[in-house]
Amino acid sequence: MNLKMSKQETTIEEVKPMRELVIFLYRIKKNLTNKNEAITIQLIIDTVKNEFFEKVSKWQQEQDKNKYSEEEVLKLILKTGKLSFANDDERIQWFEQFKKK
């Protein structure tokens, strides 16, 4: 199995098998009586978990890049003037009403 991160965009679908592998390895480790085997399995688990968290972190960063800040959205609303409000104060009030809190 190649655990190196690809340069292409990470997706949640990419990390699901890694999660399943970690769960599977924990089940194996739980039933082991040989200490050396348990240590080896734990090292594999740690490697896969580290890769999993790196990929999830990269995915989250990519998602964050695709978001507009509150300030950017408000500037766009004020700039377009397409919404029928009497003035900018009404536009701002409308924006405040519908933004995520």
PDB file of N, CA and C in Angstrom:
ATOM      1  N   MET A   1       0.851  -1.187   0.000  1.00  0.00           N
ATOM      2  CA  MET A   1       0.000   0.000   0.000  1.00  0.00           C
ATOM      3  C   MET A   1       0.887   1.237   0.000  1.00  0.00           C
ATOM      4  N   ASN A   2       0.571   2.176  -0.858  1.00  0.00           N
ATOM      5  CA  ASN A   2       1.328   3.416  -0.944  1.00  0.00           C
ATOM      6  C   ASN A   2       0.657   4.459  -0.063  1.00  0.00           C
ATOM      7  N   LEU A   3       1.332   4.870   0.984  1.00  0.00           N
ATOM      8  CA  LEU A   3       0.764   5.840   1.913  1.00  0.00           C
ATOM      9  C   LEU A   3       1.213   7.262   1.631  1.00  0.00           C
ATOM     10  N   LYS A   4       1.944   7.477   0.556  1.00  0.00           N
ATOM     11  CA  LYS A   4       2.391   8.829   0.207  1.00  0.00           C
ATOM     12  C   LYS A   4       1.207   9.662  -0.247  1.00  0.00           C
ATOM     13  N   MET A   5       1.199  10.929   0.138  1.00  0.00           N
ATOM     14  CA  MET A   5       0.116  11.822  -0.267  1.00  0.00           C
ATOM     15  C   MET A   5       0.277  12.190  -1.738  1.00  0.00           C
ATOM     16  N   SER A   6      -0.823  12.183  -2.430  1.00  0.00           N
ATOM     17  CA  SER A   6      -0.786  12.598  -3.827  1.00  0.00           C
ATOM     18  C   SER A   6      -0.854  14.115  -3.904  1.00  0.00           C
ATOM     19  N   LYS A   7      -0.448  14.669  -5.048  1.00  0.00           N
ATOM     20  CA  LYS A   7      -0.498  16.112  -5.218  1.00  0.00           C
ATOM     21  C   LYS A   7      -1.878  16.569  -5.644  1.00  0.00           C
ATOM     22  N   GLN A   8      -2.731  15.623  -6.062  1.00  0.00           N
ATOM     23  CA  GLN A   8      -4.070  16.020  -6.463  1.00  0.00           C
ATOM     24  C   GLN A   8      -4.939  16.285  -5.248  1.00  0.00           C
ATOM     25  N   GLU A   9      -6.072  16.891  -5.483  1.00  0.00           N
ATOM     26  CA  GLU A   9      -6.965  17.280  -4.401  1.00  0.00           C
ATOM     27  C   GLU A   9      -7.420  16.064  -3.603  1.00  0.00           C
ATOM     28  N   THR A  10      -7.365  16.185  -2.298  1.00  0.00           N
ATOM     29  CA  THR A  10      -7.797  15.132  -1.404  1.00  0.00           C
ATOM     30  C   THR A  10      -9.314  15.176  -1.272  1.00  0.00           C
ATOM     31  N   THR A  11      -9.928  14.010  -1.265  1.00  0.00           N
ATOM     32  CA  THR A  11     -11.370  13.943  -1.054  1.00  0.00           C
ATOM     33  C   THR A  11     -11.655  13.059   0.147  1.00  0.00           C
ATOM     34  N   ILE A  12     -12.841  13.205   0.690  1.00  0.00           N
ATOM     35  CA  ILE A  12     -13.244  12.366   1.814  1.00  0.00           C
ATOM     36  C   ILE A  12     -13.259  10.896   1.384  1.00  0.00           C
ATOM     37  N   GLU A  13     -13.626  10.633   0.145  1.00  0.00           N
ATOM     38  CA  GLU A  13     -13.652   9.261  -0.352  1.00  0.00           C
ATOM     39  C   GLU A  13     -12.270   8.613  -0.280  1.00  0.00           C
ATOM     40  N   GLU A  14     -11.224   9.402  -0.417  1.00  0.00           N
ATOM     41  CA  GLU A  14      -9.862   8.871  -0.350  1.00  0.00           C
ATOM     42  C   GLU A  14      -9.509   8.375   1.039  1.00  0.00           C
ATOM     43  N   VAL A  15     -10.045   8.994   2.065  1.00  0.00           N
ATOM     44  CA  VAL A  15      -9.634   8.645   3.423  1.00  0.00           C
ATOM     45  C   VAL A  15     -10.518   7.592   4.075  1.00  0.00           C
ATOM     46  N   LYS A  16     -11.669   7.304   3.504  1.00  0.00           N
ATOM     47  CA  LYS A  16     -12.534   6.267   4.088  1.00  0.00           C
ATOM     48  C   LYS A  16     -11.831   4.915   4.202  1.00  0.00           C
ATOM     49  N   PRO A  17     -11.132   4.453   3.151  1.00  0.00           N
ATOM     50  CA  PRO A  17     -10.442   3.156   3.299  1.00  0.00           C
ATOM     51  C   PRO A  17      -9.383   3.170   4.407  1.00  0.00           C
ATOM     52  N   MET A  18      -8.738   4.313   4.603  1.00  0.00           N
ATOM     53  CA  MET A  18      -7.734   4.410   5.660  1.00  0.00           C
ATOM     54  C   MET A  18      -8.380   4.239   7.029  1.00  0.00           C
ATOM     55  N   ARG A  19      -9.526   4.862   7.210  1.00  0.00           N
ATOM     56  CA  ARG A  19     -10.256   4.739   8.469  1.00  0.00           C
ATOM     57  C   ARG A  19     -10.649   3.286   8.720  1.00  0.00           C
ATOM     58  N   GLU A  20     -11.162   2.635   7.681  1.00  0.00           N
ATOM     59  CA  GLU A  20     -11.554   1.234   7.795  1.00  0.00           C
ATOM     60  C   GLU A  20     -10.353   0.348   8.117  1.00  0.00           C
ATOM     61  N   LEU A  21      -9.200   0.650   7.532  1.00  0.00           N
ATOM     62  CA  LEU A  21      -7.991  -0.115   7.802  1.00  0.00           C
ATOM     63  C   LEU A  21      -7.584   0.012   9.268  1.00  0.00           C
ATOM     64  N   VAL A  22      -7.640   1.217   9.806  1.00  0.00           N
ATOM     65  CA  VAL A  22      -7.272   1.420  11.209  1.00  0.00           C
ATOM     66  C   VAL A  22      -8.210   0.624  12.120  1.00  0.00           C
ATOM     67  N   ILE A  23      -9.494   0.671  11.849  1.00  0.00           N
ATOM     68  CA  ILE A  23     -10.462  -0.094  12.656  1.00  0.00           C
ATOM     69  C   ILE A  23     -10.142  -1.588  12.574  1.00  0.00           C
ATOM     70  N   PHE A  24      -9.867  -2.077  11.363  1.00  0.00           N
ATOM     71  CA  PHE A  24      -9.521  -3.482  11.163  1.00  0.00           C
ATOM     72  C   PHE A  24      -8.264  -3.852  11.943  1.00  0.00           C
ATOM     73  N   LEU A  25      -7.233  -3.007  11.885  1.00  0.00           N
ATOM     74  CA  LEU A  25      -5.979  -3.291  12.585  1.00  0.00           C
ATOM     75  C   LEU A  25      -6.159  -3.290  14.099  1.00  0.00           C
ATOM     76  N   TYR A  26      -6.995  -2.401  14.622  1.00  0.00           N
ATOM     77  CA  TYR A  26      -7.269  -2.406  16.059  1.00  0.00           C
ATOM     78  C   TYR A  26      -7.923  -3.725  16.478  1.00  0.00           C
ATOM     79  N   ARG A  27      -8.815  -4.240  15.643  1.00  0.00           N
ATOM     80  CA  ARG A  27      -9.460  -5.525  15.954  1.00  0.00           C
ATOM     81  C   ARG A  27      -8.442  -6.659  15.977  1.00  0.00           C
ATOM     82  N   ILE A  28      -7.517  -6.642  15.028  1.00  0.00           N
ATOM     83  CA  ILE A  28      -6.458  -7.660  15.004  1.00  0.00           C
ATOM     84  C   ILE A  28      -5.603  -7.543  16.261  1.00  0.00           C
ATOM     85  N   LYS A  29      -5.194  -6.325  16.573  1.00  0.00           N
ATOM     86  CA  LYS A  29      -4.304  -6.103  17.720  1.00  0.00           C
ATOM     87  C   LYS A  29      -4.939  -6.577  19.016  1.00  0.00           C
ATOM     88  N   LYS A  30      -6.237  -6.357  19.146  1.00  0.00           N
ATOM     89  CA  LYS A  30      -6.953  -6.743  20.368  1.00  0.00           C
ATOM     90  C   LYS A  30      -6.848  -8.246  20.628  1.00  0.00           C
ATOM     91  N   ASN A  31      -6.752  -9.051  19.581  1.00  0.00           N
ATOM     92  CA  ASN A  31      -6.726 -10.500  19.712  1.00  0.00           C
ATOM     93  C   ASN A  31      -5.322 -11.100  19.719  1.00  0.00           C
ATOM     94  N   LEU A  32      -4.307 -10.259  19.606  1.00  0.00           N
ATOM     95  CA  LEU A  32      -2.938 -10.773  19.587  1.00  0.00           C
ATOM     96  C   LEU A  32      -2.436 -11.059  20.993  1.00  0.00           C
ATOM     97  N   THR A  33      -1.700 -12.149  21.127  1.00  0.00           N
ATOM     98  CA  THR A  33      -1.083 -12.470  22.418  1.00  0.00           C
ATOM     99  C   THR A  33       0.424 -12.221  22.379  1.00  0.00           C
ATOM    100  N   ASN A  34       1.006 -12.213  21.184  1.00  0.00           N
ATOM    101  CA  ASN A  34       2.431 -11.977  21.023  1.00  0.00           C
ATOM    102  C   ASN A  34       2.693 -10.470  21.099  1.00  0.00           C
ATOM    103  N   LYS A  35       3.496 -10.065  22.071  1.00  0.00           N
ATOM    104  CA  LYS A  35       3.764  -8.643  22.291  1.00  0.00           C
ATOM    105  C   LYS A  35       4.451  -7.983  21.092  1.00  0.00           C
ATOM    106  N   ASN A  36       5.394  -8.667  20.465  1.00  0.00           N
ATOM    107  CA  ASN A  36       6.100  -8.099  19.314  1.00  0.00           C
ATOM    108  C   ASN A  36       5.148  -7.853  18.148  1.00  0.00           C
ATOM    109  N   GLU A  37       4.232  -8.783  17.926  1.00  0.00           N
ATOM    110  CA  GLU A  37       3.246  -8.594  16.856  1.00  0.00           C
ATOM    111  C   GLU A  37       2.345  -7.398  17.164  1.00  0.00           C
ATOM    112  N   ALA A  38       1.955  -7.274  18.425  1.00  0.00           N
ATOM    113  CA  ALA A  38       1.101  -6.152  18.832  1.00  0.00           C
ATOM    114  C   ALA A  38       1.818  -4.819  18.624  1.00  0.00           C
ATOM    115  N   ILE A  39       3.099  -4.775  18.930  1.00  0.00           N
ATOM    116  CA  ILE A  39       3.892  -3.556  18.731  1.00  0.00           C
ATOM    117  C   ILE A  39       3.980  -3.226  17.243  1.00  0.00           C
ATOM    118  N   THR A  40       4.210  -4.236  16.419  1.00  0.00           N
ATOM    119  CA  THR A  40       4.288  -4.032  14.971  1.00  0.00           C
ATOM    120  C   THR A  40       2.962  -3.504  14.429  1.00  0.00           C
ATOM    121  N   ILE A  41       1.863  -4.112  14.847  1.00  0.00           N
ATOM    122  CA  ILE A  41       0.542  -3.663  14.399  1.00  0.00           C
ATOM    123  C   ILE A  41       0.302  -2.223  14.849  1.00  0.00           C
ATOM    124  N   GLN A  42       0.719  -1.883  16.071  1.00  0.00           N
ATOM    125  CA  GLN A  42       0.523  -0.512  16.569  1.00  0.00           C
ATOM    126  C   GLN A  42       1.323   0.487  15.743  1.00  0.00           C
ATOM    127  N   LEU A  43       2.521   0.122  15.332  1.00  0.00           N
ATOM    128  CA  LEU A  43       3.318   1.004  14.473  1.00  0.00           C
ATOM    129  C   LEU A  43       2.623   1.231  13.130  1.00  0.00           C
ATOM    130  N   ILE A  44       2.048   0.181  12.572  1.00  0.00           N
ATOM    131  CA  ILE A  44       1.300   0.319  11.315  1.00  0.00           C
ATOM    132  C   ILE A  44       0.087   1.216  11.532  1.00  0.00           C
ATOM    133  N   ILE A  45      -0.628   1.003  12.627  1.00  0.00           N
ATOM    134  CA  ILE A  45      -1.794   1.835  12.958  1.00  0.00           C
ATOM    135  C   ILE A  45      -1.393   3.301  13.053  1.00  0.00           C
ATOM    136  N   ASP A  46      -0.318   3.568  13.764  1.00  0.00           N
ATOM    137  CA  ASP A  46       0.134   4.955  13.930  1.00  0.00           C
ATOM    138  C   ASP A  46       0.488   5.590  12.590  1.00  0.00           C
ATOM    139  N   THR A  47       1.133   4.835  11.708  1.00  0.00           N
ATOM    140  CA  THR A  47       1.497   5.350  10.383  1.00  0.00           C
ATOM    141  C   THR A  47       0.256   5.688   9.578  1.00  0.00           C
ATOM    142  N   VAL A  48      -0.710   4.771   9.568  1.00  0.00           N
ATOM    143  CA  VAL A  48      -1.939   4.991   8.804  1.00  0.00           C
ATOM    144  C   VAL A  48      -2.725   6.160   9.400  1.00  0.00           C
ATOM    145  N   LYS A  49      -2.795   6.231  10.729  1.00  0.00           N
ATOM    146  CA  LYS A  49      -3.517   7.343  11.369  1.00  0.00           C
ATOM    147  C   LYS A  49      -2.875   8.682  11.043  1.00  0.00           C
ATOM    148  N   ASN A  50      -1.564   8.743  11.059  1.00  0.00           N
ATOM    149  CA  ASN A  50      -0.881   9.996  10.724  1.00  0.00           C
ATOM    150  C   ASN A  50      -1.205  10.419   9.295  1.00  0.00           C
ATOM    151  N   GLU A  51      -1.161   9.468   8.376  1.00  0.00           N
ATOM    152  CA  GLU A  51      -1.486   9.769   6.983  1.00  0.00           C
ATOM    153  C   GLU A  51      -2.942  10.205   6.861  1.00  0.00           C
ATOM    154  N   PHE A  52      -3.827   9.534   7.585  1.00  0.00           N
ATOM    155  CA  PHE A  52      -5.257   9.877   7.588  1.00  0.00           C
ATOM    156  C   PHE A  52      -5.448  11.331   8.031  1.00  0.00           C
ATOM    157  N   PHE A  53      -4.842  11.709   9.141  1.00  0.00           N
ATOM    158  CA  PHE A  53      -5.004  13.069   9.654  1.00  0.00           C
ATOM    159  C   PHE A  53      -4.385  14.111   8.729  1.00  0.00           C
ATOM    160  N   GLU A  54      -3.273  13.768   8.091  1.00  0.00           N
ATOM    161  CA  GLU A  54      -2.677  14.690   7.112  1.00  0.00           C
ATOM    162  C   GLU A  54      -3.627  14.920   5.944  1.00  0.00           C
ATOM    163  N   LYS A  55      -4.230  13.848   5.438  1.00  0.00           N
ATOM    164  CA  LYS A  55      -5.143  13.977   4.302  1.00  0.00           C
ATOM    165  C   LYS A  55      -6.400  14.750   4.685  1.00  0.00           C
ATOM    166  N   VAL A  56      -6.942  14.468   5.870  1.00  0.00           N
ATOM    167  CA  VAL A  56      -8.135  15.191   6.311  1.00  0.00           C
ATOM    168  C   VAL A  56      -7.812  16.667   6.507  1.00  0.00           C
ATOM    169  N   SER A  57      -6.654  16.953   7.072  1.00  0.00           N
ATOM    170  CA  SER A  57      -6.236  18.336   7.260  1.00  0.00           C
ATOM    171  C   SER A  57      -6.082  19.043   5.922  1.00  0.00           C
ATOM    172  N   LYS A  58      -5.477  18.368   4.955  1.00  0.00           N
ATOM    173  CA  LYS A  58      -5.311  18.952   3.623  1.00  0.00           C
ATOM    174  C   LYS A  58      -6.673  19.194   2.982  1.00  0.00           C
ATOM    175  N   TRP A  59      -7.578  18.228   3.132  1.00  0.00           N
ATOM    176  CA  TRP A  59      -8.928  18.382   2.574  1.00  0.00           C
ATOM    177  C   TRP A  59      -9.613  19.603   3.186  1.00  0.00           C
ATOM    178  N   GLN A  60      -9.500  19.765   4.506  1.00  0.00           N
ATOM    179  CA  GLN A  60     -10.138  20.902   5.177  1.00  0.00           C
ATOM    180  C   GLN A  60      -9.540  22.219   4.689  1.00  0.00           C
ATOM    181  N   GLN A  61      -8.233  22.265   4.505  1.00  0.00           N
ATOM    182  CA  GLN A  61      -7.597  23.482   3.993  1.00  0.00           C
ATOM    183  C   GLN A  61      -8.094  23.815   2.592  1.00  0.00           C
ATOM    184  N   GLU A  62      -8.271  22.785   1.766  1.00  0.00           N
ATOM    185  CA  GLU A  62      -8.781  23.013   0.416  1.00  0.00           C
ATOM    186  C   GLU A  62     -10.216  23.532   0.459  1.00  0.00           C
ATOM    187  N   GLN A  63     -11.006  23.016   1.404  1.00  0.00           N
ATOM    188  CA  GLN A  63     -12.386  23.493   1.537  1.00  0.00           C
ATOM    189  C   GLN A  63     -12.406  24.952   1.993  1.00  0.00           C
ATOM    190  N   ASP A  64     -11.517  25.291   2.914  1.00  0.00           N
ATOM    191  CA  ASP A  64     -11.463  26.660   3.428  1.00  0.00           C
ATOM    192  C   ASP A  64     -11.064  27.657   2.344  1.00  0.00           C
ATOM    193  N   LYS A  65     -10.239  27.228   1.379  1.00  0.00           N
ATOM    194  CA  LYS A  65      -9.833  28.111   0.281  1.00  0.00           C
ATOM    195  C   LYS A  65     -11.015  28.513  -0.584  1.00  0.00           C
ATOM    196  N   ASN A  66     -12.030  27.655  -0.634  1.00  0.00           N
ATOM    197  CA  ASN A  66     -13.172  27.884  -1.511  1.00  0.00           C
ATOM    198  C   ASN A  66     -14.275  28.723  -0.866  1.00  0.00           C
ATOM    199  N   LYS A  67     -14.036  29.231   0.321  1.00  0.00           N
ATOM    200  CA  LYS A  67     -15.051  30.010   1.020  1.00  0.00           C
ATOM    201  C   LYS A  67     -14.740  31.501   0.926  1.00  0.00           C
ATOM    202  N   TYR A  68     -15.789  32.279   0.905  1.00  0.00           N
ATOM    203  CA  TYR A  68     -15.636  33.732   0.987  1.00  0.00           C
ATOM    204  C   TYR A  68     -15.725  34.144   2.446  1.00  0.00           C
ATOM    205  N   SER A  69     -14.984  35.159   2.804  1.00  0.00           N
ATOM    206  CA  SER A  69     -15.090  35.692   4.154  1.00  0.00           C
ATOM    207  C   SER A  69     -16.370  36.525   4.250  1.00  0.00           C
ATOM    208  N   GLU A  70     -16.792  36.792   5.457  1.00  0.00           N
ATOM    209  CA  GLU A  70     -17.980  37.619   5.682  1.00  0.00           C
ATOM    210  C   GLU A  70     -17.799  38.992   5.037  1.00  0.00           C
ATOM    211  N   GLU A  71     -16.596  39.544   5.170  1.00  0.00           N
ATOM    212  CA  GLU A  71     -16.322  40.862   4.604  1.00  0.00           C
ATOM    213  C   GLU A  71     -16.420  40.848   3.080  1.00  0.00           C
ATOM    214  N   GLU A  72     -15.885  39.773   2.453  1.00  0.00           N
ATOM    215  CA  GLU A  72     -15.946  39.680   0.994  1.00  0.00           C
ATOM    216  C   GLU A  72     -17.387  39.593   0.492  1.00  0.00           C
ATOM    217  N   VAL A  73     -18.217  38.821   1.190  1.00  0.00           N
ATOM    218  CA  VAL A  73     -19.616  38.679   0.786  1.00  0.00           C
ATOM    219  C   VAL A  73     -20.340  40.008   0.926  1.00  0.00           C
ATOM    220  N   LEU A  74     -20.121  40.683   2.035  1.00  0.00           N
ATOM    221  CA  LEU A  74     -20.777  41.967   2.248  1.00  0.00           C
ATOM    222  C   LEU A  74     -20.347  42.983   1.186  1.00  0.00           C
ATOM    223  N   LYS A  75     -19.063  43.012   0.834  1.00  0.00           N
ATOM    224  CA  LYS A  75     -18.582  43.914  -0.214  1.00  0.00           C
ATOM    225  C   LYS A  75     -19.262  43.613  -1.543  1.00  0.00           C
ATOM    226  N   LEU A  76     -19.402  42.328  -1.864  1.00  0.00           N
ATOM    227  CA  LEU A  76     -20.068  41.951  -3.113  1.00  0.00           C
ATOM    228  C   LEU A  76     -21.530  42.395  -3.120  1.00  0.00           C
ATOM    229  N   ILE A  77     -22.211  42.219  -2.004  1.00  0.00           N
ATOM    230  CA  ILE A  77     -23.619  42.632  -1.909  1.00  0.00           C
ATOM    231  C   ILE A  77     -23.742  44.142  -2.094  1.00  0.00           C
ATOM    232  N   LEU A  78     -22.883  44.877  -1.421  1.00  0.00           N
ATOM    233  CA  LEU A  78     -22.943  46.340  -1.509  1.00  0.00           C
ATOM    234  C   LEU A  78     -22.543  46.821  -2.906  1.00  0.00           C
ATOM    235  N   LYS A  79     -21.588  46.135  -3.528  1.00  0.00           N
ATOM    236  CA  LYS A  79     -21.090  46.549  -4.839  1.00  0.00           C
ATOM    237  C   LYS A  79     -22.120  46.323  -5.946  1.00  0.00           C
ATOM    238  N   THR A  80     -22.829  45.204  -5.886  1.00  0.00           N
ATOM    239  CA  THR A  80     -23.741  44.886  -6.985  1.00  0.00           C
ATOM    240  C   THR A  80     -24.938  45.816  -7.020  1.00  0.00           C
ATOM    241  N   GLY A  81     -25.500  46.107  -5.872  1.00  0.00           N
ATOM    242  CA  GLY A  81     -26.674  46.965  -5.838  1.00  0.00           C
ATOM    243  C   GLY A  81     -27.874  46.344  -6.535  1.00  0.00           C
ATOM    244  N   LYS A  82     -27.796  45.066  -6.858  1.00  0.00           N
ATOM    245  CA  LYS A  82     -28.868  44.400  -7.598  1.00  0.00           C
ATOM    246  C   LYS A  82     -30.082  44.099  -6.714  1.00  0.00           C
ATOM    247  N   LEU A  83     -29.850  43.894  -5.436  1.00  0.00           N
ATOM    248  CA  LEU A  83     -30.976  43.625  -4.540  1.00  0.00           C
ATOM    249  C   LEU A  83     -31.706  44.937  -4.274  1.00  0.00           C
ATOM    250  N   SER A  84     -33.017  44.898  -4.280  1.00  0.00           N
ATOM    251  CA  SER A  84     -33.789  46.146  -4.163  1.00  0.00           C
ATOM    252  C   SER A  84     -33.939  46.577  -2.708  1.00  0.00           C
ATOM    253  N   PHE A  85     -33.002  47.380  -2.277  1.00  0.00           N
ATOM    254  CA  PHE A  85     -33.037  47.976  -0.943  1.00  0.00           C
ATOM    255  C   PHE A  85     -32.919  49.486  -1.114  1.00  0.00           C
ATOM    256  N   ALA A  86     -33.430  50.188  -0.140  1.00  0.00           N
ATOM    257  CA  ALA A  86     -33.394  51.647  -0.212  1.00  0.00           C
ATOM    258  C   ALA A  86     -31.970  52.188  -0.075  1.00  0.00           C
ATOM    259  N   ASN A  87     -31.160  51.505   0.766  1.00  0.00           N
ATOM    260  CA  ASN A  87     -29.799  51.988   0.992  1.00  0.00           C
ATOM    261  C   ASN A  87     -28.905  50.852   1.489  1.00  0.00           C
ATOM    262  N   ASP A  88     -27.629  51.182   1.696  1.00  0.00           N
ATOM    263  CA  ASP A  88     -26.665  50.166   2.148  1.00  0.00           C
ATOM    264  C   ASP A  88     -27.001  49.634   3.534  1.00  0.00           C
ATOM    265  N   ASP A  89     -27.564  50.461   4.404  1.00  0.00           N
ATOM    266  CA  ASP A  89     -27.921  49.990   5.742  1.00  0.00           C
ATOM    267  C   ASP A  89     -28.931  48.846   5.674  1.00  0.00           C
ATOM    268  N   GLU A  90     -29.890  48.941   4.757  1.00  0.00           N
ATOM    269  CA  GLU A  90     -30.875  47.865   4.589  1.00  0.00           C
ATOM    270  C   GLU A  90     -30.220  46.606   4.036  1.00  0.00           C
ATOM    271  N   ARG A  91     -29.265  46.776   3.125  1.00  0.00           N
ATOM    272  CA  ARG A  91     -28.537  45.616   2.590  1.00  0.00           C
ATOM    273  C   ARG A  91     -27.762  44.923   3.706  1.00  0.00           C
ATOM    274  N   ILE A  92     -27.088  45.702   4.535  1.00  0.00           N
ATOM    275  CA  ILE A  92     -26.310  45.148   5.646  1.00  0.00           C
ATOM    276  C   ILE A  92     -27.234  44.434   6.628  1.00  0.00           C
ATOM    277  N   GLN A  93     -28.359  45.020   6.933  1.00  0.00           N
ATOM    278  CA  GLN A  93     -29.323  44.396   7.841  1.00  0.00           C
ATOM    279  C   GLN A  93     -29.813  43.060   7.267  1.00  0.00           C
ATOM    280  N   TRP A  94     -30.103  43.029   5.966  1.00  0.00           N
ATOM    281  CA  TRP A  94     -30.529  41.800   5.304  1.00  0.00           C
ATOM    282  C   TRP A  94     -29.436  40.736   5.385  1.00  0.00           C
ATOM    283  N   PHE A  95     -28.188  41.143   5.123  1.00  0.00           N
ATOM    284  CA  PHE A  95     -27.048  40.227   5.186  1.00  0.00           C
ATOM    285  C   PHE A  95     -26.900  39.645   6.587  1.00  0.00           C
ATOM    286  N   GLU A  96     -26.970  40.478   7.600  1.00  0.00           N
ATOM    287  CA  GLU A  96     -26.838  40.020   8.982  1.00  0.00           C
ATOM    288  C   GLU A  96     -27.897  38.992   9.340  1.00  0.00           C
ATOM    289  N   GLN A  97     -29.094  39.168   8.789  1.00  0.00           N
ATOM    290  CA  GLN A  97     -30.211  38.273   9.086  1.00  0.00           C
ATOM    291  C   GLN A  97     -29.930  36.847   8.568  1.00  0.00           C
ATOM    292  N   PHE A  98     -29.278  36.733   7.409  1.00  0.00           N
ATOM    293  CA  PHE A  98     -29.138  35.436   6.771  1.00  0.00           C
ATOM    294  C   PHE A  98     -27.754  34.792   6.884  1.00  0.00           C
ATOM    295  N   LYS A  99     -26.785  35.480   7.438  1.00  0.00           N
ATOM    296  CA  LYS A  99     -25.452  34.878   7.534  1.00  0.00           C
ATOM    297  C   LYS A  99     -25.462  33.793   8.607  1.00  0.00           C
ATOM    298  N   LYS A 100     -24.546  32.840   8.454  1.00  0.00           N
ATOM    299  CA  LYS A 100     -24.407  31.775   9.453  1.00  0.00           C
ATOM    300  C   LYS A 100     -23.807  32.368  10.715  1.00  0.00           C
ATOM    301  N   LYS A 101     -24.323  31.938  11.821  1.00  0.00           N
ATOM    302  CA  LYS A 101     -23.800  32.458  13.099  1.00  0.00           C
ATOM    303  C   LYS A 101     -22.989  31.440  13.816  1.00  0.00           C
TER     304      LYS A 101
END
